[in-house]
Amino acid sequence: MNYKEVTTKTEYRELLDNLKEETKKLVDKFPEITIYKSIYNQIIDIIKRINNKEILSEQEIYQQYSIGAIAVKNFDCDKDIYGRKLQDAFGALFEYWNLPER
Protein backbone atom coordinates (compact mmCIF):
# COMPACT_ATOMS: atom_id res chain seq x y z
CA MET A 1 0.00 0.00 0.00
CA ASN A 2 1.42 3.36 -1.01
CA TYR A 3 0.13 5.66 1.69
CA LYS A 4 1.79 7.88 4.29
CA GLU A 5 0.04 8.92 7.50
CA VAL A 6 -0.40 12.63 8.10
CA THR A 7 2.09 14.35 10.40
CA THR A 8 1.27 18.04 9.84
CA LYS A 9 -1.80 20.28 9.69
CA THR A 10 -1.12 20.89 6.01
CA GLU A 11 -1.06 17.16 5.25
CA TYR A 12 -4.26 16.67 7.25
CA ARG A 13 -6.11 19.39 5.34
CA GLU A 14 -4.84 17.87 2.08
CA LEU A 15 -6.10 14.46 3.21
CA LEU A 16 -9.54 15.91 3.96
CA ASP A 17 -9.68 17.66 0.58
CA ASN A 18 -8.65 14.45 -1.17
CA LEU A 19 -11.23 12.44 0.76
CA LYS A 20 -13.92 15.00 0.01
CA GLU A 21 -13.29 14.68 -3.75
CA GLU A 22 -12.91 10.90 -3.67
CA THR A 23 -16.04 10.42 -1.57
CA LYS A 24 -18.10 12.80 -3.72
CA LYS A 25 -17.25 10.62 -6.74
CA LEU A 26 -18.37 7.53 -4.80
CA VAL A 27 -21.63 9.27 -3.76
CA ASP A 28 -22.33 10.16 -7.39
CA LYS A 29 -21.38 6.71 -8.69
CA PHE A 30 -23.21 4.71 -6.01
CA PRO A 31 -26.11 6.87 -4.73
CA GLU A 32 -27.83 3.81 -3.28
CA ILE A 33 -24.92 3.19 -0.88
CA THR A 34 -25.87 5.69 1.82
CA ILE A 35 -22.72 5.17 3.86
CA TYR A 36 -20.79 7.25 1.31
CA LYS A 37 -23.17 10.18 1.84
CA SER A 38 -22.63 9.89 5.59
CA ILE A 39 -18.85 9.86 5.13
CA TYR A 40 -19.06 12.86 2.78
CA ASN A 41 -21.17 14.87 5.23
CA GLN A 42 -18.76 14.12 8.09
CA ILE A 43 -15.75 15.19 6.02
CA ILE A 44 -17.48 18.44 5.05
CA ASP A 45 -18.29 19.08 8.71
CA ILE A 46 -14.72 18.41 9.85
CA ILE A 47 -13.38 20.78 7.19
CA LYS A 48 -15.84 23.47 8.29
CA ARG A 49 -14.85 23.10 11.95
CA ILE A 50 -11.14 23.28 11.18
CA ASN A 51 -11.67 26.35 9.00
CA ASN A 52 -13.63 27.92 11.87
CA LYS A 53 -10.83 26.96 14.28
CA GLU A 54 -13.20 24.95 16.47
CA ILE A 55 -11.30 22.72 18.86
CA LEU A 56 -13.36 19.66 19.71
CA SER A 57 -12.94 17.60 22.85
CA GLU A 58 -12.27 13.89 22.59
CA GLN A 59 -15.84 13.24 23.73
CA GLU A 60 -17.27 15.55 21.06
CA ILE A 61 -15.23 13.84 18.34
CA TYR A 62 -16.49 10.40 19.39
CA GLN A 63 -20.09 11.65 19.62
CA GLN A 64 -20.16 13.47 16.30
CA TYR A 65 -18.05 11.38 13.93
CA SER A 66 -18.29 7.74 12.98
CA ILE A 67 -15.87 7.67 10.05
CA GLY A 68 -13.26 5.79 12.08
CA ALA A 69 -15.76 3.06 12.95
CA ILE A 70 -17.06 3.02 9.38
CA ALA A 71 -13.51 2.52 8.11
CA VAL A 72 -12.78 -0.35 10.49
CA LYS A 73 -16.14 -2.10 9.93
CA ASN A 74 -16.38 -1.70 6.15
CA PHE A 75 -12.84 -1.61 4.78
CA ASP A 76 -9.67 -3.64 5.18
CA CYS A 77 -7.58 -0.71 6.35
CA ASP A 78 -4.36 -2.71 5.97
CA LYS A 79 -5.02 -3.15 2.23
CA ASP A 80 -7.58 -0.51 1.26
CA ILE A 81 -6.14 3.00 0.93
CA TYR A 82 -9.57 4.67 1.09
CA GLY A 83 -10.32 2.91 4.38
CA ARG A 84 -6.92 3.88 5.72
CA LYS A 85 -7.50 7.52 4.77
CA LEU A 86 -10.83 7.49 6.60
CA GLN A 87 -9.21 5.95 9.65
CA ASP A 88 -6.47 8.60 9.59
CA ALA A 89 -8.96 11.44 9.06
CA PHE A 90 -10.69 10.34 12.24
CA GLY A 91 -7.59 9.60 14.30
CA ALA A 92 -5.64 12.72 13.35
CA LEU A 93 -8.59 14.92 14.32
CA PHE A 94 -7.74 14.21 17.96
CA GLU A 95 -4.24 15.63 17.45
CA TYR A 96 -4.84 18.26 14.76
CA TRP A 97 -4.31 21.35 16.95
CA ASN A 98 -1.04 19.93 18.30
CA LEU A 99 0.42 19.11 14.87
CA PRO A 100 3.01 21.40 13.29
CA GLU A 101 1.74 23.44 10.33
CA ARG A 102 4.28 21.95 7.87
C-alpha atoms as a PDB file:
ATOM      1  CA  MET A   1       0.000   0.000   0.000  1.00  0.00           C
ATOM      2  CA  ASN A   2       1.416   3.359  -1.013  1.00  0.00           C
ATOM      3  CA  TYR A   3       0.127   5.656   1.693  1.00  0.00           C
ATOM      4  CA  LYS A   4       1.787   7.884   4.292  1.00  0.00           C
ATOM      5  CA  GLU A   5       0.040   8.921   7.499  1.00  0.00           C
ATOM      6  CA  VAL A   6      -0.397  12.629   8.097  1.00  0.00           C
ATOM      7  CA  THR A   7       2.086  14.351  10.397  1.00  0.00           C
ATOM      8  CA  THR A   8       1.266  18.042   9.837  1.00  0.00           C
ATOM      9  CA  LYS A   9      -1.803  20.275   9.690  1.00  0.00           C
ATOM     10  CA  THR A  10      -1.119  20.893   6.006  1.00  0.00           C
ATOM     11  CA  GLU A  11      -1.062  17.160   5.252  1.00  0.00           C
ATOM     12  CA  TYR A  12      -4.264  16.675   7.253  1.00  0.00           C
ATOM     13  CA  ARG A  13      -6.112  19.392   5.338  1.00  0.00           C
ATOM     14  CA  GLU A  14      -4.843  17.873   2.076  1.00  0.00           C
ATOM     15  CA  LEU A  15      -6.100  14.459   3.214  1.00  0.00           C
ATOM     16  CA  LEU A  16      -9.539  15.915   3.964  1.00  0.00           C
ATOM     17  CA  ASP A  17      -9.682  17.659   0.583  1.00  0.00           C
ATOM     18  CA  ASN A  18      -8.652  14.454  -1.167  1.00  0.00           C
ATOM     19  CA  LEU A  19     -11.228  12.437   0.764  1.00  0.00           C
ATOM     20  CA  LYS A  20     -13.922  15.004   0.010  1.00  0.00           C
ATOM     21  CA  GLU A  21     -13.290  14.684  -3.748  1.00  0.00           C
ATOM     22  CA  GLU A  22     -12.912  10.903  -3.669  1.00  0.00           C
ATOM     23  CA  THR A  23     -16.041  10.420  -1.567  1.00  0.00           C
ATOM     24  CA  LYS A  24     -18.103  12.804  -3.723  1.00  0.00           C
ATOM     25  CA  LYS A  25     -17.245  10.623  -6.736  1.00  0.00           C
ATOM     26  CA  LEU A  26     -18.374   7.533  -4.805  1.00  0.00           C
ATOM     27  CA  VAL A  27     -21.628   9.270  -3.761  1.00  0.00           C
ATOM     28  CA  ASP A  28     -22.329  10.159  -7.390  1.00  0.00           C
ATOM     29  CA  LYS A  29     -21.377   6.710  -8.693  1.00  0.00           C
ATOM     30  CA  PHE A  30     -23.213   4.707  -6.008  1.00  0.00           C
ATOM     31  CA  PRO A  31     -26.106   6.875  -4.727  1.00  0.00           C
ATOM     32  CA  GLU A  32     -27.829   3.811  -3.281  1.00  0.00           C
ATOM     33  CA  ILE A  33     -24.924   3.188  -0.885  1.00  0.00           C
ATOM     34  CA  THR A  34     -25.872   5.688   1.817  1.00  0.00           C
ATOM     35  CA  ILE A  35     -22.719   5.170   3.862  1.00  0.00           C
ATOM     36  CA  TYR A  36     -20.787   7.254   1.313  1.00  0.00           C
ATOM     37  CA  LYS A  37     -23.171  10.183   1.838  1.00  0.00           C
ATOM     38  CA  SER A  38     -22.628   9.886   5.592  1.00  0.00           C
ATOM     39  CA  ILE A  39     -18.851   9.864   5.127  1.00  0.00           C
ATOM     40  CA  TYR A  40     -19.062  12.857   2.781  1.00  0.00           C
ATOM     41  CA  ASN A  41     -21.166  14.871   5.230  1.00  0.00           C
ATOM     42  CA  GLN A  42     -18.765  14.123   8.086  1.00  0.00           C
ATOM     43  CA  ILE A  43     -15.750  15.188   6.024  1.00  0.00           C
ATOM     44  CA  ILE A  44     -17.476  18.444   5.053  1.00  0.00           C
ATOM     45  CA  ASP A  45     -18.293  19.084   8.712  1.00  0.00           C
ATOM     46  CA  ILE A  46     -14.724  18.409   9.850  1.00  0.00           C
ATOM     47  CA  ILE A  47     -13.378  20.777   7.188  1.00  0.00           C
ATOM     48  CA  LYS A  48     -15.842  23.467   8.293  1.00  0.00           C
ATOM     49  CA  ARG A  49     -14.851  23.095  11.947  1.00  0.00           C
ATOM     50  CA  ILE A  50     -11.140  23.282  11.175  1.00  0.00           C
ATOM     51  CA  ASN A  51     -11.669  26.347   8.995  1.00  0.00           C
ATOM     52  CA  ASN A  52     -13.633  27.922  11.867  1.00  0.00           C
ATOM     53  CA  LYS A  53     -10.825  26.961  14.278  1.00  0.00           C
ATOM     54  CA  GLU A  54     -13.199  24.950  16.471  1.00  0.00           C
ATOM     55  CA  ILE A  55     -11.302  22.719  18.859  1.00  0.00           C
ATOM     56  CA  LEU A  56     -13.361  19.661  19.714  1.00  0.00           C
ATOM     57  CA  SER A  57     -12.945  17.603  22.848  1.00  0.00           C
ATOM     58  CA  GLU A  58     -12.274  13.888  22.594  1.00  0.00           C
ATOM     59  CA  GLN A  59     -15.842  13.236  23.731  1.00  0.00           C
ATOM     60  CA  GLU A  60     -17.270  15.555  21.055  1.00  0.00           C
ATOM     61  CA  ILE A  61     -15.235  13.842  18.341  1.00  0.00           C
ATOM     62  CA  TYR A  62     -16.489  10.400  19.395  1.00  0.00           C
ATOM     63  CA  GLN A  63     -20.091  11.645  19.621  1.00  0.00           C
ATOM     64  CA  GLN A  64     -20.155  13.470  16.300  1.00  0.00           C
ATOM     65  CA  TYR A  65     -18.047  11.383  13.930  1.00  0.00           C
ATOM     66  CA  SER A  66     -18.290   7.738  12.982  1.00  0.00           C
ATOM     67  CA  ILE A  67     -15.869   7.666  10.046  1.00  0.00           C
ATOM     68  CA  GLY A  68     -13.260   5.786  12.083  1.00  0.00           C
ATOM     69  CA  ALA A  69     -15.762   3.058  12.949  1.00  0.00           C
ATOM     70  CA  ILE A  70     -17.056   3.018   9.378  1.00  0.00           C
ATOM     71  CA  ALA A  71     -13.508   2.520   8.114  1.00  0.00           C
ATOM     72  CA  VAL A  72     -12.781  -0.353  10.490  1.00  0.00           C
ATOM     73  CA  LYS A  73     -16.138  -2.096   9.928  1.00  0.00           C
ATOM     74  CA  ASN A  74     -16.381  -1.701   6.150  1.00  0.00           C
ATOM     75  CA  PHE A  75     -12.841  -1.611   4.781  1.00  0.00           C
ATOM     76  CA  ASP A  76      -9.668  -3.639   5.176  1.00  0.00           C
ATOM     77  CA  CYS A  77      -7.575  -0.712   6.351  1.00  0.00           C
ATOM     78  CA  ASP A  78      -4.362  -2.715   5.966  1.00  0.00           C
ATOM     79  CA  LYS A  79      -5.020  -3.154   2.233  1.00  0.00           C
ATOM     80  CA  ASP A  80      -7.577  -0.510   1.256  1.00  0.00           C
ATOM     81  CA  ILE A  81      -6.139   3.001   0.928  1.00  0.00           C
ATOM     82  CA  TYR A  82      -9.566   4.669   1.087  1.00  0.00           C
ATOM     83  CA  GLY A  83     -10.323   2.906   4.376  1.00  0.00           C
ATOM     84  CA  ARG A  84      -6.920   3.881   5.722  1.00  0.00           C
ATOM     85  CA  LYS A  85      -7.502   7.516   4.768  1.00  0.00           C
ATOM     86  CA  LEU A  86     -10.833   7.490   6.603  1.00  0.00           C
ATOM     87  CA  GLN A  87      -9.207   5.949   9.645  1.00  0.00           C
ATOM     88  CA  ASP A  88      -6.468   8.604   9.594  1.00  0.00           C
ATOM     89  CA  ALA A  89      -8.959  11.435   9.056  1.00  0.00           C
ATOM     90  CA  PHE A  90     -10.694  10.345  12.243  1.00  0.00           C
ATOM     91  CA  GLY A  91      -7.586   9.595  14.299  1.00  0.00           C
ATOM     92  CA  ALA A  92      -5.638  12.724  13.353  1.00  0.00           C
ATOM     93  CA  LEU A  93      -8.589  14.920  14.318  1.00  0.00           C
ATOM     94  CA  PHE A  94      -7.742  14.214  17.965  1.00  0.00           C
ATOM     95  CA  GLU A  95      -4.236  15.627  17.448  1.00  0.00           C
ATOM     96  CA  TYR A  96      -4.837  18.265  14.763  1.00  0.00           C
ATOM     97  CA  TRP A  97      -4.311  21.346  16.951  1.00  0.00           C
ATOM     98  CA  ASN A  98      -1.037  19.932  18.304  1.00  0.00           C
ATOM     99  CA  LEU A  99       0.415  19.110  14.871  1.00  0.00           C
ATOM    100  CA  PRO A 100       3.013  21.397  13.285  1.00  0.00           C
ATOM    101  CA  GLU A 101       1.744  23.443  10.326  1.00  0.00           C
ATOM    102  CA  ARG A 102       4.281  21.947   7.873  1.00  0.00           C
END
